[in-house]
């Protein structure tokens, strides 16, 4: 019985798993931010090339 209580108590006091979850959440947020930035820049550059192509085709 005491061994089981020590095992449960040790499990409840362990924090290594929480650090892993925190790092995973932070990594996920960073990845989403990077993807959003790349998509935003890609859309802006595509618009600039379209404007340039339209301007060159008109001359």
C-alpha atoms as a PDB file:
ATOM      1  CA  UNK A   1       0.000   0.000   0.000  1.00  0.00           C
ATOM      2  CA  UNK A   2       2.803   2.429   0.870  1.00  0.00           C
ATOM      3  CA  UNK A   3       4.577   1.660  -2.380  1.00  0.00           C
ATOM      4  CA  UNK A   4       1.430   2.506  -4.302  1.00  0.00           C
ATOM      5  CA  UNK A   5       1.016   5.777  -2.397  1.00  0.00           C
ATOM      6  CA  UNK A   6       4.663   6.687  -3.087  1.00  0.00           C
ATOM      7  CA  UNK A   7       4.184   5.882  -6.761  1.00  0.00           C
ATOM      8  CA  UNK A   8       1.023   8.003  -7.028  1.00  0.00           C
ATOM      9  CA  UNK A   9       2.613  10.834  -5.046  1.00  0.00           C
ATOM     10  CA  UNK A  10       5.705  10.758  -7.270  1.00  0.00           C
ATOM     11  CA  UNK A  11       3.505  10.838 -10.360  1.00  0.00           C
ATOM     12  CA  UNK A  12       1.555  13.845  -9.076  1.00  0.00           C
ATOM     13  CA  UNK A  13       4.712  15.768  -8.220  1.00  0.00           C
ATOM     14  CA  UNK A  14       6.456  15.112 -11.567  1.00  0.00           C
ATOM     15  CA  UNK A  15       6.558  18.203 -13.788  1.00  0.00           C
ATOM     16  CA  UNK A  16       8.558  16.965 -16.783  1.00  0.00           C
ATOM     17  CA  UNK A  17       5.413  16.222 -18.772  1.00  0.00           C
ATOM     18  CA  UNK A  18       4.074  19.713 -18.198  1.00  0.00           C
ATOM     19  CA  UNK A  19       7.231  21.265 -19.605  1.00  0.00           C
ATOM     20  CA  UNK A  20       6.900  19.146 -22.724  1.00  0.00           C
ATOM     21  CA  UNK A  21       3.298  20.237 -23.229  1.00  0.00           C
ATOM     22  CA  UNK A  22       4.240  23.881 -22.714  1.00  0.00           C
ATOM     23  CA  UNK A  23       7.047  23.632 -25.265  1.00  0.00           C
ATOM     24  CA  UNK A  24       4.708  21.932 -27.734  1.00  0.00           C
ATOM     25  CA  UNK A  25       2.121  24.694 -27.346  1.00  0.00           C
ATOM     26  CA  UNK A  26       4.716  27.440 -27.746  1.00  0.00           C
ATOM     27  CA  UNK A  27       6.178  25.684 -30.805  1.00  0.00           C
ATOM     28  CA  UNK A  28       2.693  25.392 -32.299  1.00  0.00           C
ATOM     29  CA  UNK A  29       2.029  29.093 -31.799  1.00  0.00           C
ATOM     30  CA  UNK A  30       5.352  29.987 -33.419  1.00  0.00           C
ATOM     31  CA  UNK A  31       4.661  27.698 -36.381  1.00  0.00           C
ATOM     32  CA  UNK A  32       1.199  29.216 -36.915  1.00  0.00           C
ATOM     33  CA  UNK A  33       2.675  32.735 -36.758  1.00  0.00           C
ATOM     34  CA  UNK A  34       5.396  31.866 -39.281  1.00  0.00           C
ATOM     35  CA  UNK A  35       2.887  30.280 -41.673  1.00  0.00           C
ATOM     36  CA  UNK A  36       0.571  33.295 -41.408  1.00  0.00           C
ATOM     37  CA  UNK A  37       3.493  35.649 -42.101  1.00  0.00           C
ATOM     38  CA  UNK A  38       4.687  33.669 -45.120  1.00  0.00           C
ATOM     39  CA  UNK A  39       1.167  33.509 -46.568  1.00  0.00           C
ATOM     40  CA  UNK A  40       0.685  37.241 -46.004  1.00  0.00           C
ATOM     41  CA  UNK A  41       3.998  38.139 -47.657  1.00  0.00           C
ATOM     42  CA  UNK A  42       3.284  35.716 -50.512  1.00  0.00           C
ATOM     43  CA  UNK A  43      -0.080  37.354 -51.159  1.00  0.00           C
ATOM     44  CA  UNK A  44       1.498  40.820 -51.116  1.00  0.00           C
ATOM     45  CA  UNK A  45       4.284  39.798 -53.521  1.00  0.00           C
ATOM     46  CA  UNK A  46       1.777  38.084 -55.827  1.00  0.00           C
ATOM     47  CA  UNK A  47      -0.262  41.287 -55.937  1.00  0.00           C
ATOM     48  CA  UNK A  48       2.829  43.329 -56.773  1.00  0.00           C
ATOM     49  CA  UNK A  49       3.792  40.954 -59.620  1.00  0.00           C
ATOM     50  CA  UNK A  50       0.229  41.032 -60.960  1.00  0.00           C
ATOM     51  CA  UNK A  51       0.255  44.848 -60.937  1.00  0.00           C
ATOM     52  CA  UNK A  52       3.659  44.891 -62.632  1.00  0.00           C
ATOM     53  CA  UNK A  53       2.562  42.368 -65.260  1.00  0.00           C
ATOM     54  CA  UNK A  54      -0.608  44.338 -65.978  1.00  0.00           C
ATOM     55  CA  UNK A  55       1.382  47.554 -66.268  1.00  0.00           C
ATOM     56  CA  UNK A  56       3.918  46.000 -68.638  1.00  0.00           C
ATOM     57  CA  UNK A  57       1.228  44.413 -70.797  1.00  0.00           C
ATOM     58  CA  UNK A  58      -0.448  47.800 -71.294  1.00  0.00           C
ATOM     59  CA  UNK A  59       2.651  49.419 -72.794  1.00  0.00           C
END
